Amino acid sequence: MVRITPELLTRFDVPGPRYTSYPTADRFVEAFGSADYVQALEMRRDVSPNRAMPLSVYVHIPFCESLCYYCACNKIITKHPEQALVYLDYLAREVALHVKHVGKGQPVSQLHLGGGTPTFLSDAQLKALVAMLKSNFNIVPGGECAIEVDPRTVDAHRLSVLADLGFNRLSLGVQDFDPKVQEAVHRIQPAQQVFDLVAQARKIGFESINVDLIYGLPHQTPESFDRTLAQINALRPDRIALYAYAHLPARFKPQRRIISADLPMPSEKVAMLARSLASLKEAGYVYVGMDHFALSDDALAIAKRQGRLHRNFQGYSTQPDCDLIALGVSAIGRVGATYSQNAKTLSEYYDLIDQSQLPVVRGLVLSRDDMIRRAVIMAIMCQGQLQFESINLAWLIDFKSYFKSEMTHLEEIQSQGLLEVSDAGIKVTPIGWFFVRGVAMSFDRYLQANANRTRFSKII
């Protein structure tokens, strides 16, 4: 891992997409609806099994018992567990609508429960949900089954229940161990609670444990975050996701409870990131890309070494490029050459299902240009390189002519040390990996107008 200085981080401190998809979700249109999505599902159904893309399933559980002030996710704060019973009923009806159009028993190689807080559900509710999914989809042996966990809602018994249900990967929201920071963001969870859970999870035999961290929260300083990093290095999760906090109170109401004066200065945020990179490197973590780190023997780090990284709406993945059926309120999916998003409110989500409609309210049918650029951007984001000839053969284009203006821009990026351009292709440098979003942005047709960039988070 090369040394990343605060000066270098400041230089590239610009907004840009995360490229969990291309085109990005801000390009979705309301002209795409349920009928378009049904057509995509039926086209998948009609493809012979040996030619169909692998399938991933994402389930969004929006409920949380308490509000975390930094959160920008689609969630519903409630103390009433009975709301989940109604929601699970509608999820089952949504799955039935999918099965009607795509067929029953589709092989699923990746299942992910996100939120909100999936562990808001009781043991009985989780069992019912998983049983419903397994009765409609064929979750293949050895598949990746992951669930996001709020440490405050889980104990050793619940971890055993999750393992018995087939979950083999956990993602724990930690954010920061400092009590003052936790109080400021309304998320109190003692470090020992997390350490105990991770110890139990390892004893049970979960294949991988991820921990989420956020830098840039109120009352954080480079020194205080150093202490959290030291605890994380002692905890030694298999994977770490290190996110920058984006303070956007005009867009996300919970953030209005955060006092702006308590936030660290931009120079302090950059220092936290630079020191985090050095600390995680010293602890033996491999920088996978963007905000993802993994131990060298973790499947994600191995996939990067072997050039097998992929990227989907959950971030970097070891799973092959696949269709994604997304279930639940606000969930975003991908089937064939389409993206789709469900209704963002429970009332609209329920109403559409009551009408026996899949609750898709917007999406996009990708053009040929979209698909070409997606192939290029994903090659850069996942492999850090591409060969012009491979794109030429796959899409019957001449890369240098098709991307004439982009090639000119790549020369500037090369002069900054982020990229190597040859007659055969392009390759991201070791330093460039830390700013790979900036490299990929060169091929984003929708970012030609600089005004569009302000809606995205900073690329570092």
Protein backbone atom coordinates (compact mmCIF):
# COMPACT_ATOMS: atom_id res chain seq x y z
CA MET A 1 0.00 0.00 0.00
CA VAL A 2 1.49 3.32 -1.07
CA ARG A 3 1.67 6.28 1.28
CA ILE A 4 -1.31 8.58 0.86
CA THR A 5 -0.58 12.06 2.18
CA PRO A 6 -3.20 14.54 3.44
CA GLU A 7 -2.12 16.84 0.59
CA LEU A 8 -2.97 14.18 -1.99
CA LEU A 9 -6.32 13.44 -0.37
CA THR A 10 -7.21 17.14 -0.32
CA ARG A 11 -6.29 17.45 -3.99
CA PHE A 12 -8.85 14.85 -5.00
CA ASP A 13 -11.53 15.79 -2.46
CA VAL A 14 -14.33 16.06 -5.04
CA PRO A 15 -17.85 14.56 -5.23
CA GLY A 16 -18.63 11.60 -7.46
CA PRO A 17 -20.81 8.47 -7.78
CA ARG A 18 -20.06 5.25 -5.92
CA TYR A 19 -20.86 3.23 -9.05
CA THR A 20 -22.80 0.43 -7.42
CA SER A 21 -24.52 0.73 -10.78
CA TYR A 22 -24.11 2.57 -14.05
CA PRO A 23 -26.08 4.59 -14.89
CA THR A 24 -26.48 5.68 -11.27
CA ALA A 25 -29.85 5.69 -9.47
CA ASP A 26 -30.32 9.44 -9.94
CA ARG A 27 -30.86 8.67 -13.65
CA PHE A 28 -33.87 6.43 -13.00
CA VAL A 29 -37.15 7.68 -14.49
CA GLU A 30 -40.78 7.31 -13.42
CA ALA A 31 -41.70 6.35 -16.99
CA PHE A 32 -40.28 2.92 -16.09
CA GLY A 33 -42.85 1.02 -14.06
CA SER A 34 -44.23 -2.35 -13.09
CA ALA A 35 -45.05 -3.44 -16.66
CA ASP A 36 -41.48 -2.81 -17.79
CA TYR A 37 -40.14 -4.78 -14.85
CA VAL A 38 -42.50 -7.68 -15.54
CA GLN A 39 -41.23 -7.80 -19.11
CA ALA A 40 -37.62 -8.04 -17.83
CA LEU A 41 -38.57 -10.86 -15.42
CA GLU A 42 -40.34 -12.83 -18.13
CA MET A 43 -37.42 -12.40 -20.52
CA ARG A 44 -35.19 -13.91 -17.82
CA ARG A 45 -37.65 -16.76 -17.33
CA ASP A 46 -37.63 -17.55 -21.04
CA VAL A 47 -33.83 -17.79 -21.22
CA SER A 48 -32.55 -21.36 -20.98
CA PRO A 49 -31.21 -22.16 -17.48
CA ASN A 50 -27.62 -22.65 -18.63
CA ARG A 51 -27.61 -19.18 -20.24
CA ALA A 52 -29.35 -17.20 -17.49
CA MET A 53 -27.26 -14.94 -15.27
CA PRO A 54 -26.82 -16.04 -11.65
CA LEU A 55 -29.39 -14.56 -9.29
CA SER A 56 -28.99 -12.51 -6.14
CA VAL A 57 -31.80 -11.56 -3.75
CA TYR A 58 -31.85 -8.46 -1.54
CA VAL A 59 -34.51 -7.89 1.15
CA HIS A 60 -34.93 -4.43 2.69
CA ILE A 61 -36.16 -4.38 6.30
CA PRO A 62 -36.83 -0.69 7.04
CA PHE A 63 -37.56 -0.79 10.79
CA CYS A 64 -35.32 0.53 13.57
CA GLU A 65 -36.06 0.86 17.28
CA SER A 66 -34.14 4.12 17.63
CA LEU A 67 -32.89 6.90 15.36
CA CYS A 68 -29.20 7.30 14.53
CA TYR A 69 -28.76 10.97 13.68
CA TYR A 70 -26.18 10.44 10.90
CA CYS A 71 -28.35 7.94 9.00
CA ALA A 72 -29.35 8.60 5.38
CA CYS A 73 -31.03 5.23 4.81
CA ASN A 74 -34.71 4.61 4.15
CA LYS A 75 -35.95 3.59 7.61
CA ILE A 76 -38.97 3.66 9.89
CA ILE A 77 -38.45 4.31 13.61
CA THR A 78 -40.90 2.33 15.71
CA LYS A 79 -41.30 0.53 19.02
CA HIS A 80 -44.16 -1.57 17.65
CA PRO A 81 -42.95 -5.00 16.47
CA GLU A 82 -46.40 -5.80 15.10
CA GLN A 83 -45.60 -3.49 12.16
CA ALA A 84 -43.14 -6.11 11.02
CA LEU A 85 -45.86 -8.77 10.85
CA VAL A 86 -47.79 -6.70 8.31
CA TYR A 87 -44.60 -5.96 6.37
CA LEU A 88 -43.62 -9.65 6.20
CA ASP A 89 -47.04 -10.48 4.82
CA TYR A 90 -46.58 -7.96 2.02
CA LEU A 91 -43.06 -9.23 1.34
CA ALA A 92 -44.51 -12.72 0.85
CA ARG A 93 -47.07 -11.30 -1.56
CA GLU A 94 -44.34 -9.43 -3.45
CA VAL A 95 -42.33 -12.65 -3.76
CA ALA A 96 -45.44 -14.44 -5.08
CA LEU A 97 -45.78 -11.78 -7.76
CA HIS A 98 -42.13 -12.31 -8.73
CA VAL A 99 -42.54 -16.08 -8.90
CA LYS A 100 -45.57 -15.63 -11.15
CA HIS A 101 -43.38 -13.91 -13.74
CA VAL A 102 -39.92 -15.38 -13.26
CA GLY A 103 -40.76 -18.92 -12.18
CA LYS A 104 -40.40 -20.81 -8.90
CA GLY A 105 -37.15 -22.31 -7.65
CA GLN A 106 -34.74 -19.91 -9.34
CA PRO A 107 -31.19 -20.69 -8.10
CA VAL A 108 -29.91 -17.95 -5.78
CA SER A 109 -26.18 -17.67 -5.06
CA GLN A 110 -26.37 -14.55 -2.88
CA LEU A 111 -28.92 -13.47 -0.27
CA HIS A 112 -28.58 -10.18 1.61
CA LEU A 113 -30.82 -8.70 4.31
CA GLY A 114 -30.31 -4.98 4.79
CA GLY A 115 -32.09 -2.00 6.25
CA GLY A 116 -32.96 -0.29 8.46
CA THR A 117 -32.26 -3.02 10.97
CA PRO A 118 -32.95 -6.60 9.83
CA THR A 119 -32.41 -7.79 13.40
CA PHE A 120 -35.41 -5.64 14.41
CA LEU A 121 -37.31 -8.81 13.46
CA SER A 122 -37.85 -11.39 16.20
CA ASP A 123 -36.40 -14.88 15.92
CA ALA A 124 -39.80 -16.21 14.86
CA GLN A 125 -40.18 -13.49 12.23
CA LEU A 126 -36.70 -14.12 10.82
CA LYS A 127 -37.46 -17.84 10.64
CA ALA A 128 -40.72 -17.16 8.82
CA LEU A 129 -39.02 -14.80 6.37
CA VAL A 130 -36.21 -17.22 5.53
CA ALA A 131 -38.64 -20.14 5.21
CA MET A 132 -40.75 -18.08 2.79
CA LEU A 133 -37.70 -17.19 0.69
CA LYS A 134 -36.46 -20.79 0.62
CA SER A 135 -39.88 -22.07 -0.44
CA ASN A 136 -39.81 -19.78 -3.49
CA PHE A 137 -36.11 -19.63 -4.38
CA ASN A 138 -33.43 -22.30 -4.47
CA ILE A 139 -30.60 -20.97 -2.29
CA VAL A 140 -27.70 -23.01 -3.60
CA PRO A 141 -25.26 -24.85 -1.30
CA GLY A 142 -22.26 -22.67 -0.53
CA GLY A 143 -24.15 -19.51 -1.41
CA GLU A 144 -23.36 -16.25 0.33
CA CYS A 145 -26.02 -15.35 2.91
CA ALA A 146 -25.38 -12.05 4.66
CA ILE A 147 -27.29 -9.96 7.17
CA GLU A 148 -26.72 -6.48 8.58
CA VAL A 149 -26.69 -6.50 12.39
CA ASP A 150 -27.22 -3.78 14.97
CA PRO A 151 -25.11 -5.03 17.93
CA ARG A 152 -27.69 -3.57 20.32
CA THR A 153 -30.34 -6.00 19.05
CA VAL A 154 -28.34 -9.24 19.07
CA ASP A 155 -26.92 -11.59 21.67
CA ALA A 156 -25.20 -15.00 21.51
CA HIS A 157 -28.52 -16.83 21.24
CA ARG A 158 -29.65 -14.71 18.31
CA LEU A 159 -26.35 -15.28 16.54
CA SER A 160 -26.96 -19.02 16.83
CA VAL A 161 -30.43 -18.56 15.35
CA LEU A 162 -28.95 -16.64 12.40
CA ALA A 163 -26.39 -19.39 11.81
CA ASP A 164 -29.10 -22.07 11.96
CA LEU A 165 -31.06 -20.13 9.33
CA GLY A 166 -28.10 -20.33 6.97
CA PHE A 167 -26.52 -16.89 7.36
CA ASN A 168 -22.75 -17.16 7.03
CA ARG A 169 -21.73 -13.49 6.88
CA LEU A 170 -22.42 -10.68 9.34
CA SER A 171 -22.05 -6.92 8.97
CA LEU A 172 -21.98 -5.01 12.26
CA GLY A 173 -22.61 -1.27 12.47
CA VAL A 174 -20.01 0.21 14.84
CA GLN A 175 -19.25 3.69 13.42
CA ASP A 176 -17.12 4.80 16.42
CA PHE A 177 -16.31 3.48 19.89
CA ASP A 178 -15.87 6.90 21.50
CA PRO A 179 -18.71 7.47 24.06
CA LYS A 180 -18.91 11.20 23.35
CA VAL A 181 -19.30 10.58 19.61
CA GLN A 182 -21.87 7.85 20.24
CA GLU A 183 -23.92 10.18 22.40
CA ALA A 184 -23.79 12.94 19.77
CA VAL A 185 -25.18 10.62 17.06
CA HIS A 186 -27.67 8.86 19.38
CA ARG A 187 -26.13 5.40 19.09
CA ILE A 188 -24.81 4.15 22.42
CA GLN A 189 -23.14 0.72 22.23
CA PRO A 190 -20.18 -0.12 24.48
CA ALA A 191 -17.12 -1.54 22.78
CA GLN A 192 -17.22 -4.63 25.00
CA GLN A 193 -20.66 -5.48 23.62
CA VAL A 194 -19.21 -5.60 20.10
CA PHE A 195 -16.14 -7.55 21.19
CA ASP A 196 -18.32 -10.15 22.91
CA LEU A 197 -20.55 -10.55 19.85
CA VAL A 198 -17.62 -10.97 17.48
CA ALA A 199 -16.09 -13.59 19.79
CA GLN A 200 -19.38 -15.49 19.85
CA ALA A 201 -19.77 -15.21 16.06
CA ARG A 202 -16.32 -16.68 15.54
CA LYS A 203 -17.07 -19.48 17.98
CA ILE A 204 -20.25 -20.30 16.07
CA GLY A 205 -18.34 -20.34 12.79
CA PHE A 206 -19.50 -17.41 10.65
CA GLU A 207 -17.34 -17.27 7.52
CA SER A 208 -16.82 -13.50 7.49
CA ILE A 209 -17.49 -10.58 9.83
CA ASN A 210 -17.60 -7.01 8.54
CA VAL A 211 -17.52 -3.86 10.65
CA ASP A 212 -18.72 -0.45 9.43
CA LEU A 213 -16.91 2.70 10.57
CA ILE A 214 -17.67 6.36 9.85
CA TYR A 215 -15.21 9.24 10.08
CA GLY A 216 -16.27 12.88 10.14
CA LEU A 217 -18.91 12.50 12.89
CA PRO A 218 -19.44 15.16 15.60
CA HIS A 219 -16.73 15.41 18.28
CA GLN A 220 -14.38 13.12 16.35
CA THR A 221 -10.74 14.17 16.19
CA PRO A 222 -7.81 12.44 14.50
CA GLU A 223 -6.64 11.39 17.96
CA SER A 224 -10.01 10.03 19.10
CA PHE A 225 -10.44 8.10 15.85
CA ASP A 226 -6.95 6.66 16.31
CA ARG A 227 -8.24 5.09 19.52
CA THR A 228 -11.24 3.59 17.75
CA LEU A 229 -8.93 2.20 15.03
CA ALA A 230 -6.69 0.65 17.68
CA GLN A 231 -9.74 -1.13 19.13
CA ILE A 232 -10.86 -2.24 15.67
CA ASN A 233 -7.40 -3.63 14.93
CA ALA A 234 -7.60 -5.56 18.20
CA LEU A 235 -11.10 -6.79 17.27
CA ARG A 236 -9.70 -7.85 13.90
CA PRO A 237 -12.85 -8.27 11.78
CA ASP A 238 -12.39 -9.97 8.43
CA ARG A 239 -13.58 -6.88 6.57
CA ILE A 240 -13.88 -3.19 7.32
CA ALA A 241 -15.98 -0.59 5.53
CA LEU A 242 -14.70 2.93 6.25
CA TYR A 243 -17.20 5.59 5.20
CA ALA A 244 -16.95 9.38 5.21
CA TYR A 245 -19.87 11.13 6.88
CA ALA A 246 -21.64 13.52 4.50
CA HIS A 247 -23.56 16.17 6.42
CA LEU A 248 -26.64 16.96 4.30
CA PRO A 249 -29.33 18.10 6.76
CA ALA A 250 -31.39 19.70 4.00
CA ARG A 251 -31.88 16.25 2.43
CA PHE A 252 -31.89 14.00 5.50
CA LYS A 253 -33.98 15.24 8.44
CA PRO A 254 -32.28 13.12 11.15
CA GLN A 255 -29.02 14.97 10.47
CA ARG A 256 -30.65 18.22 11.59
CA ARG A 257 -30.16 16.99 15.15
CA ILE A 258 -26.40 17.10 14.67
CA ILE A 259 -24.82 20.41 15.63
CA SER A 260 -22.71 21.57 12.69
CA ALA A 261 -20.22 23.29 14.99
CA ASP A 262 -19.42 19.88 16.55
CA LEU A 263 -18.28 18.41 13.22
CA PRO A 264 -14.54 18.10 12.54
CA MET A 265 -12.90 20.55 10.17
CA PRO A 266 -12.25 19.32 6.60
CA SER A 267 -8.52 19.15 7.35
CA GLU A 268 -9.26 16.93 10.36
CA LYS A 269 -11.40 14.59 8.21
CA VAL A 270 -8.58 14.26 5.72
CA ALA A 271 -6.15 13.56 8.57
CA MET A 272 -8.49 10.84 9.92
CA LEU A 273 -8.59 9.15 6.53
CA ALA A 274 -4.82 9.35 6.01
CA ARG A 275 -4.14 7.96 9.49
CA SER A 276 -6.79 5.26 9.02
CA LEU A 277 -5.12 4.06 5.82
CA ALA A 278 -1.76 3.87 7.58
CA SER A 279 -3.22 2.14 10.66
CA LEU A 280 -5.12 -0.52 8.69
CA LYS A 281 -2.11 -1.20 6.50
CA GLU A 282 0.05 -1.65 9.61
CA ALA A 283 -2.56 -4.06 11.00
CA GLY A 284 -2.35 -6.24 7.89
CA TYR A 285 -5.48 -5.19 6.01
CA VAL A 286 -5.54 -5.18 2.21
CA TYR A 287 -7.06 -2.15 0.55
CA VAL A 288 -9.71 -3.67 -1.71
CA GLY A 289 -10.98 -0.43 -3.19
CA MET A 290 -12.88 2.74 -2.30
CA ASP A 291 -13.85 2.27 1.36
CA HIS A 292 -13.37 -1.52 1.64
CA PHE A 293 -10.56 -3.30 3.49
CA ALA A 294 -10.06 -7.01 4.15
CA LEU A 295 -7.58 -9.36 5.78
CA SER A 296 -5.33 -11.01 3.21
CA ASP A 297 -6.97 -14.43 3.62
CA ASP A 298 -10.53 -13.10 3.27
CA ALA A 299 -12.41 -14.03 0.10
CA LEU A 300 -12.68 -10.36 -0.91
CA ALA A 301 -8.91 -9.80 -0.74
CA ILE A 302 -8.29 -13.06 -2.60
CA ALA A 303 -10.78 -12.05 -5.30
CA LYS A 304 -8.95 -8.77 -5.77
CA ARG A 305 -5.58 -10.51 -6.14
CA GLN A 306 -7.06 -12.92 -8.67
CA GLY A 307 -8.94 -10.25 -10.64
CA ARG A 308 -12.35 -11.67 -9.72
CA LEU A 309 -13.87 -8.66 -7.93
CA HIS A 310 -17.40 -7.66 -8.87
CA ARG A 311 -19.60 -4.77 -7.82
CA ASN A 312 -23.33 -4.54 -7.10
CA PHE A 313 -25.74 -2.43 -5.06
CA GLN A 314 -24.22 -3.78 -1.83
CA GLY A 315 -20.67 -2.79 -2.88
CA TYR A 316 -17.74 -5.03 -3.75
CA SER A 317 -18.53 -8.71 -4.01
CA THR A 318 -16.90 -12.04 -4.85
CA GLN A 319 -20.07 -13.16 -6.62
CA PRO A 320 -20.14 -13.14 -10.44
CA ASP A 321 -22.07 -10.46 -12.28
CA CYS A 322 -25.71 -11.34 -11.64
CA ASP A 323 -29.32 -10.28 -11.80
CA LEU A 324 -30.65 -8.87 -8.52
CA ILE A 325 -34.22 -9.24 -7.34
CA ALA A 326 -34.81 -6.54 -4.72
CA LEU A 327 -37.68 -6.96 -2.27
CA GLY A 328 -39.25 -4.47 0.09
CA VAL A 329 -39.84 -0.75 0.33
CA SER A 330 -37.32 1.41 -1.65
CA ALA A 331 -35.26 -1.63 -2.71
CA ILE A 332 -33.25 -1.30 -5.96
CA GLY A 333 -32.80 -4.25 -8.30
CA ARG A 334 -31.35 -5.20 -11.64
CA VAL A 335 -32.73 -7.71 -14.14
CA GLY A 336 -31.21 -8.01 -17.59
CA ALA A 337 -30.68 -4.57 -19.12
CA THR A 338 -32.96 -2.84 -16.60
CA TYR A 339 -32.74 -1.23 -13.18
CA SER A 340 -35.80 -0.80 -10.98
CA GLN A 341 -36.72 0.72 -7.62
CA ASN A 342 -39.69 -0.02 -5.39
CA ALA A 343 -41.95 2.59 -3.81
CA LYS A 344 -40.20 4.53 -1.05
CA THR A 345 -43.10 4.76 1.41
CA LEU A 346 -44.93 1.91 3.11
CA SER A 347 -48.33 3.27 2.12
CA GLU A 348 -47.49 3.32 -1.59
CA TYR A 349 -45.67 -0.02 -1.38
CA TYR A 350 -48.68 -1.66 0.29
CA ASP A 351 -51.16 -0.01 -2.08
CA LEU A 352 -49.45 -1.30 -5.22
CA ILE A 353 -49.25 -4.85 -3.86
CA ASP A 354 -52.92 -4.65 -2.86
CA GLN A 355 -53.55 -3.97 -6.55
CA SER A 356 -51.60 -7.16 -7.38
CA GLN A 357 -48.83 -5.06 -8.94
CA LEU A 358 -45.12 -5.32 -8.36
CA PRO A 359 -44.34 -2.13 -6.41
CA VAL A 360 -41.86 -0.69 -8.92
CA VAL A 361 -42.23 3.09 -9.32
CA ARG A 362 -39.15 4.03 -11.31
CA GLY A 363 -36.22 2.54 -13.16
CA LEU A 364 -34.32 2.50 -16.41
CA VAL A 365 -33.87 0.48 -19.57
CA LEU A 366 -30.18 0.68 -20.44
CA SER A 367 -29.17 1.83 -23.89
CA ARG A 368 -26.33 0.17 -25.78
CA ASP A 369 -24.10 3.13 -24.86
CA ASP A 370 -25.05 2.68 -21.18
CA MET A 371 -24.04 -0.98 -21.31
CA ILE A 372 -20.72 -0.25 -23.03
CA ARG A 373 -19.86 2.41 -20.48
CA ARG A 374 -21.01 0.15 -17.62
CA ALA A 375 -18.60 -2.55 -18.83
CA VAL A 376 -15.75 -0.03 -18.91
CA ILE A 377 -16.55 1.55 -15.53
CA MET A 378 -16.96 -1.81 -13.79
CA ALA A 379 -13.66 -3.06 -15.23
CA ILE A 380 -11.95 0.01 -13.79
CA MET A 381 -13.76 -0.20 -10.44
CA CYS A 382 -13.21 -3.94 -9.98
CA GLN A 383 -10.07 -4.96 -11.87
CA GLY A 384 -8.36 -1.59 -12.04
CA GLN A 385 -7.56 -2.13 -15.69
CA LEU A 386 -9.00 -2.96 -19.08
CA GLN A 387 -7.73 -4.03 -22.47
CA PHE A 388 -9.06 -2.02 -25.39
CA GLU A 389 -9.28 -5.13 -27.54
CA SER A 390 -11.56 -6.94 -25.10
CA ILE A 391 -14.07 -4.07 -25.20
CA ASN A 392 -13.73 -3.85 -28.99
CA LEU A 393 -14.54 -7.53 -29.43
CA ALA A 394 -17.36 -7.60 -26.88
CA TRP A 395 -19.16 -4.53 -28.23
CA LEU A 396 -17.90 -4.28 -31.85
CA ILE A 397 -16.49 -0.79 -31.43
CA ASP A 398 -13.13 0.90 -31.80
CA PHE A 399 -12.40 1.96 -28.22
CA LYS A 400 -10.11 4.89 -29.01
CA SER A 401 -12.54 6.34 -31.55
CA TYR A 402 -15.66 5.69 -29.46
CA PHE A 403 -14.08 7.30 -26.40
CA LYS A 404 -12.04 9.93 -28.23
CA SER A 405 -12.80 12.77 -25.81
CA GLU A 406 -12.39 10.46 -22.79
CA MET A 407 -8.95 9.39 -24.02
CA THR A 408 -7.89 13.03 -24.01
CA HIS A 409 -9.06 13.38 -20.40
CA LEU A 410 -7.18 10.20 -19.44
CA GLU A 411 -3.93 11.91 -20.39
CA GLU A 412 -4.56 14.47 -17.64
CA ILE A 413 -5.31 11.72 -15.12
CA GLN A 414 -2.12 9.94 -16.17
CA SER A 415 -0.13 13.13 -15.53
CA GLN A 416 -1.53 13.12 -11.97
CA GLY A 417 -0.12 9.64 -11.41
CA LEU A 418 -3.45 7.83 -11.10
CA LEU A 419 -3.38 5.93 -14.35
CA GLU A 420 -1.10 4.33 -16.93
CA VAL A 421 -2.27 4.48 -20.54
CA SER A 422 -0.68 2.26 -23.19
CA ASP A 423 -1.52 1.28 -26.75
CA ALA A 424 -3.16 -1.88 -25.39
CA GLY A 425 -5.20 -0.49 -22.52
CA ILE A 426 -5.34 1.43 -19.26
CA LYS A 427 -4.27 0.45 -15.76
CA VAL A 428 -4.94 2.14 -12.44
CA THR A 429 -1.76 2.79 -10.45
CA PRO A 430 -1.40 1.84 -6.77
CA ILE A 431 -2.12 5.46 -5.82
CA GLY A 432 -4.95 5.57 -8.35
CA TRP A 433 -6.77 2.75 -6.53
CA PHE A 434 -7.52 5.18 -3.71
CA PHE A 435 -9.23 7.51 -6.20
CA VAL A 436 -10.67 4.90 -8.55
CA ARG A 437 -14.06 6.62 -8.56
CA GLY A 438 -12.37 9.67 -10.08
CA VAL A 439 -10.87 7.52 -12.85
CA ALA A 440 -14.20 5.83 -13.58
CA MET A 441 -15.98 9.19 -13.72
CA SER A 442 -14.10 9.95 -16.94
CA PHE A 443 -16.42 7.52 -18.76
CA ASP A 444 -19.69 8.71 -17.16
CA ARG A 445 -21.69 10.40 -19.92
CA TYR A 446 -24.16 11.82 -17.40
CA LEU A 447 -21.47 13.74 -15.52
CA GLN A 448 -20.49 15.98 -18.41
CA ALA A 449 -22.27 18.85 -16.65
CA ASN A 450 -20.33 19.60 -13.47
CA ALA A 451 -23.52 20.70 -11.73
CA ASN A 452 -24.67 17.09 -11.57
CA ARG A 453 -21.77 16.11 -9.33
CA THR A 454 -22.88 18.01 -6.26
CA ARG A 455 -25.53 15.37 -5.45
CA PHE A 456 -22.86 12.74 -4.78
CA SER A 457 -20.58 12.06 -1.81
CA LYS A 458 -16.88 12.91 -1.94
CA ILE A 459 -14.86 10.27 -3.81
CA ILE A 460 -12.58 9.78 -0.80
